[in-house]
Amino acid sequence: MTGCVSATVTAVNLGFSDTFIAEWLYSWSIAFPVGFVLLLLLSPQFRRIVDKIVYYGNVD
């Protein structure tokens, strides 16, 4: 996911120039660790929120 997003943003900002691959890999090298850490930190909270929504939606 981070690869697709960083490639899209790089293409929008720079276009498909000669330096696209190098710039994309640089931006991805920053985006991937940030995304991975956020995934580890925030996924438990999101799971609790979704569980509450699903539980309250199925009270029969």
N, C-alpha and C. Protein backbone atom coordinates (compact mmCIF):
# COMPACT_ATOMS: atom_id res chain seq x y z
N MET A 1 0.83 -1.19 0.00
CA MET A 1 0.00 0.00 0.00
C MET A 1 0.87 1.25 0.00
N THR A 2 1.89 1.27 0.85
CA THR A 2 2.75 2.45 0.90
C THR A 2 3.49 2.64 -0.42
N GLY A 3 3.80 1.56 -1.09
CA GLY A 3 4.46 1.65 -2.39
C GLY A 3 3.58 2.30 -3.43
N CYS A 4 2.30 1.91 -3.46
CA CYS A 4 1.36 2.50 -4.42
C CYS A 4 1.13 3.98 -4.13
N VAL A 5 0.96 4.32 -2.88
CA VAL A 5 0.70 5.71 -2.53
C VAL A 5 1.92 6.58 -2.83
N SER A 6 3.10 6.11 -2.45
CA SER A 6 4.29 6.92 -2.70
C SER A 6 4.58 7.03 -4.19
N ALA A 7 4.30 5.97 -4.97
CA ALA A 7 4.49 6.04 -6.42
C ALA A 7 3.53 7.03 -7.05
N THR A 8 2.28 7.04 -6.59
CA THR A 8 1.29 7.97 -7.12
C THR A 8 1.66 9.41 -6.81
N VAL A 9 2.03 9.68 -5.58
CA VAL A 9 2.38 11.04 -5.19
C VAL A 9 3.65 11.50 -5.93
N THR A 10 4.61 10.60 -6.08
CA THR A 10 5.82 10.95 -6.81
C THR A 10 5.51 11.24 -8.27
N ALA A 11 4.65 10.44 -8.88
CA ALA A 11 4.28 10.66 -10.28
C ALA A 11 3.52 11.97 -10.46
N VAL A 12 2.65 12.29 -9.52
CA VAL A 12 1.90 13.54 -9.62
C VAL A 12 2.83 14.74 -9.46
N ASN A 13 3.76 14.65 -8.53
CA ASN A 13 4.65 15.78 -8.27
C ASN A 13 5.76 15.93 -9.31
N LEU A 14 6.32 14.82 -9.78
CA LEU A 14 7.46 14.90 -10.68
C LEU A 14 7.16 14.48 -12.11
N GLY A 15 6.09 13.74 -12.30
CA GLY A 15 5.84 13.14 -13.60
C GLY A 15 6.75 11.93 -13.77
N PHE A 16 6.67 11.28 -14.91
CA PHE A 16 7.49 10.11 -15.16
C PHE A 16 8.78 10.55 -15.84
N SER A 17 9.66 11.12 -15.06
CA SER A 17 10.93 11.62 -15.59
C SER A 17 12.01 10.56 -15.43
N ASP A 18 13.23 10.94 -15.78
CA ASP A 18 14.36 10.02 -15.65
C ASP A 18 14.67 9.68 -14.20
N THR A 19 14.31 10.55 -13.30
CA THR A 19 14.62 10.33 -11.89
C THR A 19 13.44 9.74 -11.11
N PHE A 20 12.39 9.33 -11.81
CA PHE A 20 11.19 8.84 -11.12
C PHE A 20 11.49 7.68 -10.18
N ILE A 21 12.19 6.66 -10.68
CA ILE A 21 12.44 5.46 -9.87
C ILE A 21 13.26 5.81 -8.63
N ALA A 22 14.30 6.60 -8.79
CA ALA A 22 15.13 6.96 -7.64
C ALA A 22 14.34 7.77 -6.61
N GLU A 23 13.56 8.73 -7.08
CA GLU A 23 12.76 9.54 -6.16
C GLU A 23 11.67 8.72 -5.49
N TRP A 24 11.06 7.81 -6.25
CA TRP A 24 10.02 6.96 -5.68
C TRP A 24 10.59 6.04 -4.60
N LEU A 25 11.73 5.41 -4.88
CA LEU A 25 12.34 4.53 -3.88
C LEU A 25 12.75 5.30 -2.63
N TYR A 26 13.21 6.53 -2.81
CA TYR A 26 13.56 7.35 -1.66
C TYR A 26 12.31 7.65 -0.81
N SER A 27 11.24 8.06 -1.47
CA SER A 27 10.02 8.40 -0.71
C SER A 27 9.41 7.14 -0.09
N TRP A 28 9.53 6.02 -0.76
CA TRP A 28 9.01 4.77 -0.20
C TRP A 28 9.84 4.32 0.99
N SER A 29 11.14 4.58 0.96
CA SER A 29 11.99 4.20 2.10
C SER A 29 11.62 4.98 3.35
N ILE A 30 10.97 6.12 3.19
CA ILE A 30 10.49 6.88 4.33
C ILE A 30 9.07 6.46 4.69
N ALA A 31 8.23 6.27 3.68
CA ALA A 31 6.81 5.97 3.92
C ALA A 31 6.60 4.59 4.54
N PHE A 32 7.38 3.60 4.13
CA PHE A 32 7.15 2.25 4.63
C PHE A 32 7.38 2.13 6.14
N PRO A 33 8.50 2.59 6.69
CA PRO A 33 8.66 2.48 8.15
C PRO A 33 7.61 3.27 8.93
N VAL A 34 7.25 4.45 8.42
CA VAL A 34 6.23 5.25 9.10
C VAL A 34 4.89 4.51 9.09
N GLY A 35 4.51 3.98 7.93
CA GLY A 35 3.26 3.23 7.84
C GLY A 35 3.26 1.98 8.69
N PHE A 36 4.38 1.29 8.74
CA PHE A 36 4.46 0.05 9.53
C PHE A 36 4.33 0.34 11.03
N VAL A 37 5.01 1.37 11.50
CA VAL A 37 4.91 1.73 12.92
C VAL A 37 3.49 2.18 13.26
N LEU A 38 2.87 2.97 12.39
CA LEU A 38 1.49 3.39 12.65
C LEU A 38 0.55 2.19 12.65
N LEU A 39 0.78 1.24 11.77
CA LEU A 39 -0.03 0.02 11.76
C LEU A 39 0.08 -0.71 13.09
N LEU A 40 1.29 -0.87 13.58
CA LEU A 40 1.48 -1.58 14.85
C LEU A 40 0.86 -0.84 16.02
N LEU A 41 0.95 0.48 16.00
CA LEU A 41 0.43 1.26 17.13
C LEU A 41 -1.08 1.45 17.10
N LEU A 42 -1.65 1.62 15.92
CA LEU A 42 -3.06 2.00 15.83
C LEU A 42 -4.02 0.83 15.57
N SER A 43 -3.53 -0.28 15.08
CA SER A 43 -4.45 -1.37 14.74
C SER A 43 -5.21 -1.92 15.96
N PRO A 44 -4.62 -2.00 17.16
CA PRO A 44 -5.44 -2.46 18.29
C PRO A 44 -6.62 -1.53 18.61
N GLN A 45 -6.39 -0.22 18.49
CA GLN A 45 -7.48 0.72 18.76
C GLN A 45 -8.57 0.60 17.69
N PHE A 46 -8.16 0.50 16.43
CA PHE A 46 -9.15 0.35 15.37
C PHE A 46 -9.92 -0.95 15.50
N ARG A 47 -9.26 -2.00 15.93
CA ARG A 47 -9.94 -3.28 16.11
C ARG A 47 -11.00 -3.18 17.20
N ARG A 48 -10.68 -2.48 18.30
CA ARG A 48 -11.67 -2.29 19.37
C ARG A 48 -12.86 -1.49 18.88
N ILE A 49 -12.62 -0.44 18.11
CA ILE A 49 -13.71 0.38 17.58
C ILE A 49 -14.61 -0.45 16.67
N VAL A 50 -14.01 -1.21 15.78
CA VAL A 50 -14.79 -2.05 14.85
C VAL A 50 -15.55 -3.11 15.63
N ASP A 51 -14.94 -3.71 16.62
CA ASP A 51 -15.65 -4.71 17.43
C ASP A 51 -16.86 -4.11 18.13
N LYS A 52 -16.73 -2.89 18.63
CA LYS A 52 -17.88 -2.23 19.28
C LYS A 52 -18.99 -1.95 18.27
N ILE A 53 -18.61 -1.50 17.08
CA ILE A 53 -19.62 -1.23 16.06
C ILE A 53 -20.34 -2.51 15.66
N VAL A 54 -19.59 -3.56 15.43
CA VAL A 54 -20.19 -4.82 15.03
C VAL A 54 -21.02 -5.42 16.15
N TYR A 55 -20.55 -5.34 17.38
CA TYR A 55 -21.29 -5.90 18.52
C TYR A 55 -22.59 -5.14 18.72
N TYR A 56 -22.56 -3.81 18.75
CA TYR A 56 -23.76 -3.03 18.97
C TYR A 56 -24.73 -3.13 17.81
N GLY A 57 -24.22 -3.41 16.63
CA GLY A 57 -25.09 -3.56 15.47
C GLY A 57 -25.83 -4.89 15.45
N ASN A 58 -25.35 -5.87 16.24
CA ASN A 58 -25.95 -7.21 16.23
C ASN A 58 -26.60 -7.56 17.58
N VAL A 59 -27.12 -6.60 18.27
CA VAL A 59 -27.77 -6.88 19.56
C VAL A 59 -29.21 -7.28 19.26
N ASP A 60 -29.47 -8.58 19.29
CA ASP A 60 -30.83 -9.09 19.04
C ASP A 60 -31.36 -9.83 20.23
